[in-house]
């Protein structure tokens, strides 16, 4: 995936939002989950600006929760606006995938 940086930028935000929509979570946990599914080059320095953007856009809110080790953690919680954005993205993504598949399945022109 490292050669598809532009493609990844457009999709990563919604992958993160989807993870947060499943349950409130914190940054390091999001990074670890994304790495487990194959986003191996992802770092916290990529994730935290994205989380800040989601918060500024009103798609997530932040809750401080105690941590079993050390200071409290920032947990991210999806908002209704974030859920709506996910729904719209899912519809758009589905349409885009169908269009791309049509192109790749077409017979070459002779």
Foldseek 3Di string as FASTA:
>chain_A
DVVPVVVCVVCVLLVLLVVQAVDWDAQVVSVVVVVVVPPVPDDSVVVPVSLVVCVVVVQWDWDWDQDPDDGTTTIIHGDPVVVVVSVVVVVVVVVVVVVVVVVVPDDDDD
